[in-house]
Amino acid sequence: MSKKAIERIQQMEERFDSLERMVRALEEALQEEGGLRENFGVLQEYMDSGQWLKDYEADEKGRIPKEIKRGVLSQDALYDLLTEAREILQKING
């Protein structure tokens, strides 16, 4: 077998392995699609309902203990995550 043929097979094997990893990762992600939709909906409603703003203001006034994890109260982080999730859901829906 020629050196060129061996190199071609090795290159194709690398692409095969890469594609297989991607397909498995996407399959796993799609299995979690329902959770993605549910979490997106609940968080979007939380932000839109006015409750997020009340919680944010309470945090700004120091009413939420500092040991409580509250990344959801970061306006930019929540907005950016919701935007990214919306884009992903649009891609899934075609």
Protein backbone atom coordinates (compact mmCIF):
# COMPACT_ATOMS: atom_id res chain seq x y z
CA MET A 1 0.00 0.00 0.00
CA SER A 2 1.34 3.44 -0.88
CA LYS A 3 2.34 6.07 1.63
CA LYS A 4 -0.30 8.38 0.14
CA ALA A 5 -3.04 5.79 0.72
CA ILE A 6 -1.96 5.27 4.33
CA GLU A 7 -1.97 9.03 4.95
CA ARG A 8 -5.44 9.32 3.38
CA ILE A 9 -6.82 6.51 5.53
CA GLN A 10 -5.31 8.06 8.66
CA GLN A 11 -6.82 11.45 7.81
CA MET A 12 -10.21 9.90 7.15
CA GLU A 13 -9.97 7.93 10.40
CA GLU A 14 -9.36 11.18 12.31
CA ARG A 15 -12.43 12.72 10.66
CA PHE A 16 -14.44 9.57 11.39
CA ASP A 17 -13.50 9.71 15.07
CA SER A 18 -14.24 13.44 15.24
CA LEU A 19 -17.63 13.07 13.59
CA GLU A 20 -18.52 10.17 15.85
CA ARG A 21 -17.73 12.27 18.95
CA MET A 22 -19.82 15.15 17.59
CA VAL A 23 -22.78 12.92 16.78
CA ARG A 24 -22.72 11.33 20.25
CA ALA A 25 -22.50 14.76 21.92
CA LEU A 26 -25.42 16.08 19.86
CA GLU A 27 -27.49 12.98 20.59
CA GLU A 28 -26.89 13.50 24.30
CA ALA A 29 -27.76 17.19 24.05
CA LEU A 30 -30.97 16.47 22.15
CA GLN A 31 -32.05 14.06 24.87
CA GLU A 32 -31.95 17.05 27.22
CA GLU A 33 -33.92 19.31 24.87
CA GLY A 34 -37.07 19.09 27.00
CA GLY A 35 -35.17 20.35 30.02
CA LEU A 36 -33.67 23.12 27.95
CA ARG A 37 -37.12 24.27 26.83
CA GLU A 38 -38.55 24.06 30.33
CA ASN A 39 -35.66 25.90 31.99
CA PHE A 40 -35.70 28.54 29.27
CA GLY A 41 -39.43 29.11 29.71
CA VAL A 42 -39.28 29.36 33.49
CA LEU A 43 -36.30 31.73 33.46
CA GLN A 44 -37.80 33.89 30.70
CA GLU A 45 -41.03 34.18 32.68
CA TYR A 46 -39.05 35.01 35.84
CA MET A 47 -37.26 37.84 34.05
CA ASP A 48 -40.38 39.15 32.29
CA SER A 49 -42.72 38.91 35.29
CA GLY A 50 -41.12 41.64 37.36
CA GLN A 51 -40.15 39.18 40.09
CA TRP A 52 -36.56 39.17 38.83
CA LEU A 53 -36.38 42.95 39.27
CA LYS A 54 -37.75 42.70 42.81
CA ASP A 55 -35.17 40.04 43.68
CA TYR A 56 -32.41 42.09 42.03
CA GLU A 57 -33.37 45.19 44.04
CA ALA A 58 -33.49 43.15 47.24
CA ASP A 59 -29.97 41.92 46.50
CA GLU A 60 -28.77 45.46 45.79
CA LYS A 61 -30.13 46.50 49.20
CA GLY A 62 -28.25 43.64 50.89
CA ARG A 63 -31.40 41.69 51.80
CA ILE A 64 -30.15 38.45 50.28
CA PRO A 65 -27.42 36.70 52.28
CA LYS A 66 -24.04 36.87 50.59
CA GLU A 67 -23.54 33.10 50.90
CA ILE A 68 -26.52 32.49 48.59
CA LYS A 69 -25.49 31.81 45.00
CA ARG A 70 -27.24 34.42 42.90
CA GLY A 71 -25.73 34.45 39.43
CA VAL A 72 -29.29 34.57 38.09
CA LEU A 73 -29.49 38.12 39.42
CA SER A 74 -26.74 39.25 37.09
CA GLN A 75 -28.79 41.00 34.42
CA ASP A 76 -26.20 40.55 31.70
CA ALA A 77 -25.58 36.89 32.50
CA LEU A 78 -29.28 35.98 32.52
CA TYR A 79 -30.06 37.97 29.39
CA ASP A 80 -27.07 36.53 27.54
CA LEU A 81 -27.94 32.97 28.55
CA LEU A 82 -31.57 33.39 27.51
CA THR A 83 -30.47 34.85 24.18
CA GLU A 84 -28.09 31.96 23.58
CA ALA A 85 -30.74 29.40 24.55
CA ARG A 86 -33.28 31.07 22.25
CA GLU A 87 -30.84 30.87 19.34
CA ILE A 88 -30.19 27.19 20.03
CA LEU A 89 -33.91 26.43 20.22
CA GLN A 90 -34.42 28.22 16.90
CA LYS A 91 -31.71 26.08 15.34
CA ILE A 92 -33.32 22.92 16.71
CA ASN A 93 -36.70 23.97 15.35
CA GLY A 94 -35.17 24.64 11.95
